[in-house]
């Protein structure tokens, strides 16, 4: 997690969370931002956003 937050600015981190809330999967976000799924899922969790079950897709 630390590497992602140290190389991306706050606006980009919030964009990741916003995209996740809008329905983009953690795998898609991980690929887009060259990160791991677990790291991507930590961002919404830290910001109080519920993480979707892995089988729930939009």
N, C-alpha and C. Protein backbone atom coordinates (compact mmCIF):
# COMPACT_ATOMS: atom_id res chain seq x y z
N UNK A 1 0.82 -1.19 0.00
CA UNK A 1 0.00 0.00 0.00
C UNK A 1 0.86 1.25 0.00
N UNK A 2 1.92 1.22 0.78
CA UNK A 2 2.76 2.41 0.91
C UNK A 2 3.32 2.85 -0.44
N UNK A 3 3.74 1.89 -1.26
CA UNK A 3 4.32 2.26 -2.56
C UNK A 3 3.29 2.97 -3.45
N UNK A 4 2.06 2.49 -3.43
CA UNK A 4 1.03 3.12 -4.26
C UNK A 4 0.74 4.53 -3.78
N UNK A 5 0.59 4.71 -2.49
CA UNK A 5 0.27 6.04 -1.97
C UNK A 5 1.45 6.99 -2.09
N UNK A 6 2.65 6.47 -2.14
CA UNK A 6 3.81 7.37 -2.27
C UNK A 6 4.05 7.78 -3.72
N UNK A 7 3.55 7.01 -4.69
CA UNK A 7 3.81 7.37 -6.09
C UNK A 7 2.62 8.03 -6.77
N UNK A 8 1.45 8.00 -6.13
CA UNK A 8 0.28 8.64 -6.72
C UNK A 8 -0.19 9.78 -5.82
N UNK A 9 -0.66 10.85 -6.45
CA UNK A 9 -1.14 11.98 -5.65
C UNK A 9 -2.54 11.69 -5.10
N UNK A 10 -2.98 12.52 -4.18
CA UNK A 10 -4.26 12.31 -3.50
C UNK A 10 -5.43 12.30 -4.48
N UNK A 11 -5.38 13.14 -5.49
CA UNK A 11 -6.47 13.18 -6.48
C UNK A 11 -6.58 11.85 -7.23
N UNK A 12 -5.46 11.24 -7.55
CA UNK A 12 -5.47 9.96 -8.25
C UNK A 12 -5.97 8.85 -7.33
N UNK A 13 -5.54 8.88 -6.07
CA UNK A 13 -6.02 7.89 -5.11
C UNK A 13 -7.53 7.99 -4.95
N UNK A 14 -8.04 9.21 -4.87
CA UNK A 14 -9.49 9.39 -4.75
C UNK A 14 -10.19 8.95 -6.02
N UNK A 15 -9.56 9.15 -7.16
CA UNK A 15 -10.13 8.70 -8.43
C UNK A 15 -10.27 7.18 -8.44
N UNK A 16 -9.29 6.48 -7.90
CA UNK A 16 -9.36 5.01 -7.81
C UNK A 16 -10.58 4.61 -6.98
N UNK A 17 -10.76 5.27 -5.85
CA UNK A 17 -11.91 4.98 -4.98
C UNK A 17 -13.22 5.29 -5.72
N UNK A 18 -13.27 6.42 -6.37
CA UNK A 18 -14.49 6.81 -7.11
C UNK A 18 -14.81 5.81 -8.22
N UNK A 19 -13.80 5.36 -8.94
CA UNK A 19 -14.01 4.38 -10.00
C UNK A 19 -14.50 3.06 -9.42
N UNK A 20 -13.94 2.67 -8.27
CA UNK A 20 -14.37 1.44 -7.61
C UNK A 20 -15.84 1.54 -7.21
N UNK A 21 -16.22 2.66 -6.62
CA UNK A 21 -17.61 2.88 -6.21
C UNK A 21 -18.53 2.85 -7.43
N UNK A 22 -18.06 3.35 -8.56
CA UNK A 22 -18.85 3.38 -9.78
C UNK A 22 -18.99 2.01 -10.43
N UNK A 23 -18.24 1.01 -9.93
CA UNK A 23 -18.40 -0.34 -10.45
C UNK A 23 -17.20 -0.96 -11.11
N UNK A 24 -16.12 -0.22 -11.27
CA UNK A 24 -14.91 -0.79 -11.85
C UNK A 24 -14.36 -1.83 -10.87
N UNK A 25 -13.97 -2.99 -11.38
CA UNK A 25 -13.48 -4.04 -10.50
C UNK A 25 -12.08 -3.72 -9.99
N UNK A 26 -11.74 -4.35 -8.87
CA UNK A 26 -10.41 -4.14 -8.30
C UNK A 26 -9.33 -4.64 -9.25
N UNK A 27 -9.60 -5.71 -9.99
CA UNK A 27 -8.63 -6.22 -10.96
C UNK A 27 -8.39 -5.21 -12.07
N UNK A 28 -9.46 -4.61 -12.58
CA UNK A 28 -9.31 -3.59 -13.63
C UNK A 28 -8.50 -2.41 -13.11
N UNK A 29 -8.79 -1.97 -11.90
CA UNK A 29 -8.06 -0.84 -11.32
C UNK A 29 -6.60 -1.21 -11.06
N UNK A 30 -6.36 -2.42 -10.58
CA UNK A 30 -4.99 -2.86 -10.32
C UNK A 30 -4.17 -2.86 -11.61
N UNK A 31 -4.77 -3.34 -12.68
CA UNK A 31 -4.07 -3.35 -13.97
C UNK A 31 -3.83 -1.93 -14.48
N UNK A 32 -4.82 -1.07 -14.34
CA UNK A 32 -4.70 0.31 -14.83
C UNK A 32 -3.62 1.07 -14.07
N UNK A 33 -3.55 0.87 -12.77
CA UNK A 33 -2.62 1.64 -11.94
C UNK A 33 -1.37 0.84 -11.55
N UNK A 34 -1.18 -0.32 -12.19
CA UNK A 34 -0.01 -1.17 -11.98
C UNK A 34 0.19 -1.43 -10.48
N UNK A 35 -0.77 -2.12 -9.94
CA UNK A 35 -0.76 -2.42 -8.52
C UNK A 35 -1.41 -3.78 -8.30
N UNK A 36 -1.45 -4.21 -7.06
CA UNK A 36 -2.12 -5.46 -6.72
C UNK A 36 -3.57 -5.21 -6.32
N UNK A 37 -4.41 -6.24 -6.49
CA UNK A 37 -5.82 -6.10 -6.13
C UNK A 37 -6.00 -5.77 -4.66
N UNK A 38 -5.23 -6.42 -3.81
CA UNK A 38 -5.36 -6.18 -2.37
C UNK A 38 -5.04 -4.73 -2.03
N UNK A 39 -4.05 -4.18 -2.69
CA UNK A 39 -3.68 -2.78 -2.47
C UNK A 39 -4.82 -1.86 -2.90
N UNK A 40 -5.38 -2.14 -4.06
CA UNK A 40 -6.49 -1.33 -4.56
C UNK A 40 -7.68 -1.39 -3.60
N UNK A 41 -7.96 -2.57 -3.06
CA UNK A 41 -9.10 -2.72 -2.15
C UNK A 41 -8.87 -2.04 -0.80
N UNK A 42 -7.64 -1.80 -0.45
CA UNK A 42 -7.34 -1.12 0.81
C UNK A 42 -7.79 0.34 0.76
N UNK A 43 -7.68 0.97 -0.40
CA UNK A 43 -8.05 2.39 -0.52
C UNK A 43 -9.50 2.66 -0.15
N UNK A 44 -10.48 1.96 -0.75
CA UNK A 44 -11.87 2.24 -0.36
C UNK A 44 -12.11 1.94 1.13
N UNK A 45 -11.54 0.84 1.59
CA UNK A 45 -11.71 0.45 2.99
C UNK A 45 -11.21 1.55 3.92
N UNK A 46 -10.05 2.11 3.64
CA UNK A 46 -9.49 3.18 4.47
C UNK A 46 -10.34 4.44 4.44
N UNK A 47 -11.09 4.63 3.38
CA UNK A 47 -11.92 5.83 3.24
C UNK A 47 -13.38 5.59 3.62
N UNK A 48 -13.63 4.44 4.26
CA UNK A 48 -14.97 4.15 4.76
C UNK A 48 -15.95 3.64 3.73
N UNK A 49 -15.45 3.21 2.58
CA UNK A 49 -16.31 2.68 1.52
C UNK A 49 -16.36 1.16 1.66
N UNK A 50 -17.55 0.61 1.61
CA UNK A 50 -17.70 -0.84 1.71
C UNK A 50 -17.08 -1.52 0.50
N UNK A 51 -16.35 -2.59 0.75
CA UNK A 51 -15.74 -3.36 -0.33
C UNK A 51 -16.74 -4.42 -0.76
N UNK A 52 -16.95 -4.51 -2.07
CA UNK A 52 -17.91 -5.48 -2.61
C UNK A 52 -17.37 -6.90 -2.47
N UNK A 53 -18.27 -7.87 -2.26
CA UNK A 53 -17.84 -9.26 -2.31
C UNK A 53 -17.28 -9.57 -3.69
N UNK A 54 -16.34 -10.49 -3.78
CA UNK A 54 -15.66 -10.73 -5.06
C UNK A 54 -16.60 -11.22 -6.15
N UNK A 55 -17.73 -11.77 -5.80
CA UNK A 55 -18.66 -12.26 -6.81
C UNK A 55 -19.65 -11.20 -7.27
N UNK A 56 -19.65 -10.04 -6.64
CA UNK A 56 -20.61 -8.99 -6.99
C UNK A 56 -19.98 -8.02 -7.99
N UNK A 57 -20.48 -8.03 -9.20
CA UNK A 57 -19.98 -7.13 -10.25
C UNK A 57 -21.13 -6.32 -10.80
N UNK A 58 -20.84 -5.18 -11.35
CA UNK A 58 -21.86 -4.32 -11.93
C UNK A 58 -21.86 -4.44 -13.43
